[in-house]
Amino acid sequence: MRTFVKVDGPGWLPGTRYGLGVVGVPLTCGGLLWGHGGDTPGHHSAPVHR
């Protein structure tokens, strides 16, 4: 759970990390926003933790 790789490409913000379904998105304050999104028809959820 603590090993992440940097991802690059369309739809990813620069510096984003991904591993085991968890995404770490860099914040302008220097921290990371950790979360996991989920979809079902007609709905989208994205619980996150800072």
C-alpha atoms as a PDB file:
ATOM      1  CA  MET A   1       0.000   0.000   0.000  1.00  0.00           C
ATOM      2  CA  ARG A   2       2.950   2.353   0.359  1.00  0.00           C
ATOM      3  CA  THR A   3       4.585   1.765  -3.018  1.00  0.00           C
ATOM      4  CA  PHE A   4       3.374   4.209  -5.664  1.00  0.00           C
ATOM      5  CA  VAL A   5       4.512   5.110  -9.146  1.00  0.00           C
ATOM      6  CA  LYS A   6       4.303   8.474 -10.851  1.00  0.00           C
ATOM      7  CA  VAL A   7       1.803   8.549 -13.695  1.00  0.00           C
ATOM      8  CA  ASP A   8       1.896  10.816 -16.708  1.00  0.00           C
ATOM      9  CA  GLY A   9      -0.464  11.262 -19.611  1.00  0.00           C
ATOM     10  CA  PRO A  10      -3.883  12.571 -20.573  1.00  0.00           C
ATOM     11  CA  GLY A  11      -6.209  13.006 -17.610  1.00  0.00           C
ATOM     12  CA  TRP A  12      -3.452  12.982 -14.945  1.00  0.00           C
ATOM     13  CA  LEU A  13      -2.121  16.087 -13.199  1.00  0.00           C
ATOM     14  CA  PRO A  14       1.676  16.481 -13.152  1.00  0.00           C
ATOM     15  CA  GLY A  15       3.182  14.735 -10.116  1.00  0.00           C
ATOM     16  CA  THR A  16       0.235  12.363  -9.622  1.00  0.00           C
ATOM     17  CA  ARG A  17       1.069   8.983  -8.052  1.00  0.00           C
ATOM     18  CA  TYR A  18      -0.893   5.744  -8.306  1.00  0.00           C
ATOM     19  CA  GLY A  19      -0.783   2.358  -6.607  1.00  0.00           C
ATOM     20  CA  LEU A  20      -3.273  -0.376  -5.672  1.00  0.00           C
ATOM     21  CA  GLY A  21      -6.265   1.745  -6.696  1.00  0.00           C
ATOM     22  CA  VAL A  22      -5.216   4.739  -4.566  1.00  0.00           C
ATOM     23  CA  VAL A  23      -4.277   8.025  -6.232  1.00  0.00           C
ATOM     24  CA  GLY A  24      -2.078  10.740  -4.721  1.00  0.00           C
ATOM     25  CA  VAL A  25      -2.633  14.156  -6.320  1.00  0.00           C
ATOM     26  CA  PRO A  26      -0.188  16.972  -5.442  1.00  0.00           C
ATOM     27  CA  LEU A  27      -1.665  20.090  -3.811  1.00  0.00           C
ATOM     28  CA  THR A  28      -0.430  23.654  -4.319  1.00  0.00           C
ATOM     29  CA  CYS A  29       0.540  23.766  -0.596  1.00  0.00           C
ATOM     30  CA  GLY A  30       3.042  20.933  -1.159  1.00  0.00           C
ATOM     31  CA  GLY A  31       0.963  18.089   0.333  1.00  0.00           C
ATOM     32  CA  LEU A  32      -0.782  15.201  -1.379  1.00  0.00           C
ATOM     33  CA  LEU A  33      -4.506  14.500  -1.637  1.00  0.00           C
ATOM     34  CA  TRP A  34      -5.055  10.714  -1.369  1.00  0.00           C
ATOM     35  CA  GLY A  35      -8.208   9.103  -2.686  1.00  0.00           C
ATOM     36  CA  HIS A  36     -10.005   6.422  -4.646  1.00  0.00           C
ATOM     37  CA  GLY A  37     -12.829   7.043  -7.094  1.00  0.00           C
ATOM     38  CA  GLY A  38     -15.693   4.779  -8.001  1.00  0.00           C
ATOM     39  CA  ASP A  39     -18.392   4.747 -10.677  1.00  0.00           C
ATOM     40  CA  THR A  40     -21.756   3.095 -11.170  1.00  0.00           C
ATOM     41  CA  PRO A  41     -24.234   4.017 -13.884  1.00  0.00           C
ATOM     42  CA  GLY A  42     -25.357   7.588 -13.208  1.00  0.00           C
ATOM     43  CA  HIS A  43     -23.132   8.131 -10.133  1.00  0.00           C
ATOM     44  CA  HIS A  44     -19.532   8.990  -9.291  1.00  0.00           C
ATOM     45  CA  SER A  45     -17.893   9.090  -5.857  1.00  0.00           C
ATOM     46  CA  ALA A  46     -14.423  10.168  -4.828  1.00  0.00           C
ATOM     47  CA  PRO A  47     -13.602   9.833  -1.115  1.00  0.00           C
ATOM     48  CA  VAL A  48     -10.304  11.554  -0.336  1.00  0.00           C
ATOM     49  CA  HIS A  49      -8.046  12.278   2.620  1.00  0.00           C
ATOM     50  CA  ARG A  50      -5.596  15.126   3.024  1.00  0.00           C
END
